[in-house]
Protein backbone atom coordinates (compact mmCIF):
# COMPACT_ATOMS: atom_id res chain seq x y z
CA MET A 1 56.74 3.53 -16.24
CA ASP A 2 57.44 6.10 -13.59
CA GLY A 3 54.66 5.69 -11.00
CA VAL A 4 54.18 2.49 -9.00
CA ASN A 5 57.38 0.45 -8.68
CA ALA A 6 56.62 -3.13 -9.78
CA MET A 7 59.10 -4.80 -7.43
CA ASP A 8 57.82 -2.84 -4.42
CA LEU A 9 54.23 -3.69 -5.35
CA ILE A 10 55.09 -7.39 -5.71
CA LYS A 11 56.59 -7.35 -2.21
CA GLU A 12 53.49 -5.64 -0.79
CA ILE A 13 51.16 -8.10 -2.52
CA ASN A 14 53.24 -11.03 -1.21
CA ASP A 15 52.79 -9.59 2.28
CA HIS A 16 48.99 -9.59 1.76
CA LEU A 17 48.29 -12.95 0.13
CA PRO A 18 46.01 -14.42 -0.96
CA LEU A 19 45.04 -11.84 -3.54
CA PRO A 20 41.35 -12.27 -4.47
CA VAL A 21 40.71 -11.51 -8.15
CA TYR A 22 38.06 -11.82 -10.82
CA LEU A 23 38.71 -12.35 -14.53
CA THR A 24 38.06 -9.68 -17.13
CA ASP A 25 35.79 -10.45 -20.08
CA ARG A 26 38.79 -10.15 -22.40
CA LEU A 27 40.71 -12.82 -20.50
CA ILE A 28 37.70 -15.14 -20.37
CA LYS A 29 37.25 -14.82 -24.15
CA THR A 30 40.94 -15.50 -24.76
CA PHE A 31 40.84 -18.71 -22.73
CA TRP A 32 37.48 -19.71 -24.20
CA LYS A 33 39.05 -19.68 -27.68
CA LYS A 34 41.66 -22.11 -26.34
CA GLY A 35 39.03 -24.44 -24.89
CA ILE A 36 39.51 -23.31 -21.28
CA PHE A 37 36.16 -22.37 -19.78
CA LEU A 38 36.26 -20.12 -16.72
CA ASP A 39 33.53 -18.42 -14.74
CA LYS A 40 33.66 -14.62 -14.63
CA LYS A 41 31.64 -14.62 -11.40
CA GLU A 42 34.11 -16.86 -9.60
CA LYS A 43 36.65 -15.34 -7.21
CA TYR A 44 40.14 -16.75 -7.68
CA ASN A 45 42.67 -16.56 -4.84
CA VAL A 46 46.14 -15.87 -6.16
CA GLU A 47 48.97 -17.22 -4.01
CA ILE A 48 51.95 -16.74 -6.36
CA VAL A 49 53.04 -13.36 -7.72
CA GLU A 50 55.91 -13.03 -10.22
CA ASP A 51 57.76 -10.36 -12.14
CA ALA A 52 57.50 -11.30 -15.82
CA GLY A 53 59.89 -8.56 -16.90
CA LEU A 54 59.25 -5.64 -19.19
CA GLU A 55 57.00 -7.61 -21.55
CA GLY A 56 54.83 -9.33 -18.95
CA GLY A 57 54.92 -6.98 -15.97
CA ILE A 58 53.48 -8.26 -12.73
CA SER A 59 51.90 -11.65 -13.35
CA PHE A 60 50.14 -14.28 -11.28
CA VAL A 61 49.79 -18.01 -11.18
CA LEU A 62 46.04 -18.47 -11.34
CA PRO A 63 44.82 -21.76 -9.83
CA ILE A 64 41.97 -23.47 -11.65
CA LYS A 65 39.48 -25.26 -9.42
CA ASP A 66 39.22 -29.02 -9.95
CA SER A 67 42.27 -28.99 -12.22
CA LYS A 68 45.95 -29.75 -11.84
CA GLU A 69 46.67 -26.97 -14.31
CA VAL A 70 47.40 -23.35 -13.52
CA LEU A 71 47.45 -20.30 -15.76
CA PHE A 72 50.08 -17.57 -15.81
CA VAL A 73 48.17 -14.29 -16.15
CA SER A 74 49.20 -10.65 -16.38
CA ILE A 75 47.83 -8.31 -13.72
CA SER A 76 46.36 -6.22 -16.56
CA TYR A 77 43.70 -8.90 -17.21
CA LEU A 78 42.40 -9.20 -13.68
CA LYS A 79 39.88 -7.30 -11.58
CA ILE A 80 40.94 -6.91 -7.97
CA ASP A 81 38.44 -7.69 -5.23
CA PRO A 82 37.05 -4.34 -3.97
CA ASN A 83 37.89 -5.22 -0.34
CA TYR A 84 41.56 -6.02 -0.95
CA PRO A 85 43.78 -3.53 0.95
CA LEU A 86 46.12 -2.83 -2.01
CA LYS A 87 43.33 -2.49 -4.57
CA ASP A 88 43.92 1.20 -5.32
CA LYS A 89 47.68 0.79 -5.73
CA ILE A 90 47.18 -2.21 -8.03
CA ILE A 91 44.62 -0.34 -10.14
CA GLU A 92 47.09 2.55 -10.47
CA TYR A 93 49.76 0.09 -11.63
CA GLN A 94 47.32 -1.50 -14.09
CA LYS A 95 46.51 1.88 -15.65
CA GLU A 96 50.19 2.79 -15.92
CA ARG A 97 51.00 -0.61 -17.41
CA ILE A 98 48.22 -0.43 -20.00
CA ASN A 99 49.30 3.08 -21.04
CA PHE A 100 52.91 1.89 -21.28
CA LEU A 101 51.87 -0.99 -23.55
CA LYS A 102 49.69 1.26 -25.71
CA LYS A 103 52.73 3.45 -26.38
CA GLY A 104 54.53 0.37 -27.73
CA LYS A 105 57.62 0.82 -25.60
CA ILE A 106 58.49 -2.86 -25.53
C-alpha cells in the first residue's frame, strides 16, 4: 500500500479519540453467525486503536454495551461517523486496504 501510512494514521486517530463508528452489514452478519447480536444503528465509540500488522491492518477494540467483552475489529468493517475530522483520510485508507487485500498480497 503506497497511499495513507498506517502508523501515521493511527497516531492521528489516537490524537482524536474517541472515534465514533457504525458497523457494516457484513460485520453484523459475521457476528450474528457467532451468536453476537449488535445493532447497526448504534454508534460505537472506539477508544483503542492498534496496528494488527500486514494481515489485520489498522484495527480497533470495539466496546460492547452492557458486556464485559470487547471485539477486535478491522477498520475495513466499520463506517466512520460523517462528522469525524479524519473521516476522509480513514475512508481513503479503507479503500487502499480493501484493494490491497483483493490483490492477495498477504
